[in-house]
Amino acid sequence: MAAARFIVGGKVQGVFFRASTREQALKSGLRGYAKNLADGSVEVLAVGDAESIDALEAWLRVGPPKAQVDTLVRVATGDGGAGEGFAVL
C-alpha cells in the first residue's frame, strides 16, 4: 500500500474540486481526504495502490472543468489516519 499527500494550487476552491477529487478517488478504490487550506489551495491525501495514486495525480493536474491548476506538489507520506472511504473536509 502506498500513500501520497498533494497540495494543489490555483483556482481550486469554489469549483467542486474536492467533490470531484472524491469521485475520482472512489472510482480507483483510494482512501483519504480532500480539504481546503487557508491559503486557497487544496490538500489531498490518497492511500491505496501506487498505480491508482499515480492516476489520481494525473487527474489532479487538470481537475474538474471550472478549475485552473497552477501548481501541484506531491509528498510521499504515511496514511495519515486516512480512515475508511474518501472524505471531503
Protein backbone atom coordinates (compact mmCIF):
# COMPACT_ATOMS: atom_id res chain seq x y z
CA MET A 1 0.00 0.00 0.00
CA ALA A 2 1.23 3.48 -0.89
CA ALA A 3 0.27 6.95 0.27
CA ALA A 4 0.84 10.45 -1.09
CA ARG A 5 -0.11 13.94 0.00
CA PHE A 6 -0.77 16.57 -2.65
CA ILE A 7 -1.05 20.34 -2.39
CA VAL A 8 -2.95 21.72 -5.39
CA GLY A 9 -2.77 25.45 -6.09
CA GLY A 10 -4.62 27.73 -8.47
CA LYS A 11 -8.35 28.25 -8.89
CA VAL A 12 -9.26 25.15 -6.91
CA GLN A 13 -11.74 26.37 -4.30
CA GLY A 14 -15.37 27.02 -5.15
CA VAL A 15 -15.22 24.92 -8.33
CA PHE A 16 -16.25 21.48 -6.97
CA PHE A 17 -12.59 20.43 -6.81
CA ARG A 18 -12.90 18.48 -3.55
CA ALA A 19 -16.11 16.68 -4.52
CA SER A 20 -14.73 15.82 -7.96
CA THR A 21 -11.50 14.58 -6.38
CA ARG A 22 -13.56 12.33 -4.10
CA GLU A 23 -15.38 10.85 -7.10
CA GLN A 24 -12.10 10.13 -8.88
CA ALA A 25 -10.55 8.61 -5.76
CA LEU A 26 -13.51 6.35 -5.04
CA LYS A 27 -13.53 5.09 -8.65
CA SER A 28 -9.93 3.99 -8.09
CA GLY A 29 -10.53 2.45 -4.67
CA LEU A 30 -8.46 5.04 -2.82
CA ARG A 31 -8.94 6.17 0.78
CA GLY A 32 -8.12 9.61 2.13
CA TYR A 33 -9.47 13.12 2.01
CA ALA A 34 -9.54 16.44 0.19
CA LYS A 35 -9.70 19.67 2.17
CA ASN A 36 -9.46 23.40 1.56
CA LEU A 37 -6.49 25.20 3.05
CA ALA A 38 -6.50 28.79 4.30
CA ASP A 39 -4.15 29.94 1.51
CA GLY A 40 -6.69 28.96 -1.20
CA SER A 41 -5.08 25.64 -2.11
CA VAL A 42 -6.47 22.13 -1.63
CA GLU A 43 -4.74 19.33 0.27
CA VAL A 44 -5.36 15.76 -0.86
CA LEU A 45 -4.28 12.61 0.95
CA ALA A 46 -4.54 9.44 -1.13
CA VAL A 47 -3.91 5.93 0.20
CA GLY A 48 -4.08 2.78 -1.92
CA ASP A 49 -2.16 1.09 -4.68
CA ALA A 50 0.59 3.10 -6.35
CA GLU A 51 -0.93 2.97 -9.84
CA SER A 52 -4.22 4.42 -8.60
CA ILE A 53 -2.40 7.20 -6.78
CA ASP A 54 -0.46 7.99 -9.95
CA ALA A 55 -3.73 8.11 -11.91
CA LEU A 56 -5.24 10.47 -9.34
CA GLU A 57 -2.15 12.67 -9.58
CA ALA A 58 -2.62 12.94 -13.35
CA TRP A 59 -6.25 13.94 -12.81
CA LEU A 60 -5.29 16.48 -10.11
CA ARG A 61 -3.02 18.24 -12.62
CA VAL A 62 -6.16 19.18 -14.58
CA GLY A 63 -9.04 18.95 -12.09
CA PRO A 64 -12.72 19.48 -12.88
CA PRO A 65 -13.84 21.74 -15.76
CA LYS A 66 -14.08 25.02 -13.80
CA ALA A 67 -10.73 24.60 -12.03
CA GLN A 68 -7.39 26.03 -13.09
CA VAL A 69 -4.49 24.12 -11.57
CA ASP A 70 -1.31 26.18 -11.44
CA THR A 71 0.81 24.07 -9.07
CA LEU A 72 0.85 20.52 -7.80
CA VAL A 73 3.25 19.29 -5.14
CA ARG A 74 3.44 15.59 -4.22
CA VAL A 75 4.96 14.32 -1.00
CA ALA A 76 5.31 10.65 -0.07
CA THR A 77 3.73 10.13 3.34
CA GLY A 78 2.20 7.63 5.72
CA ASP A 79 -1.53 7.03 5.64
CA GLY A 80 -2.02 10.00 7.99
CA GLY A 81 -5.11 8.50 9.59
CA ALA A 82 -6.91 8.25 6.27
CA GLY A 83 -9.65 6.09 7.77
CA GLU A 84 -12.20 4.37 5.58
CA GLY A 85 -13.52 5.85 2.36
CA PHE A 86 -12.64 9.26 0.99
CA ALA A 87 -13.78 12.35 2.86
CA VAL A 88 -14.36 15.93 1.80
CA LEU A 89 -13.28 18.08 4.72
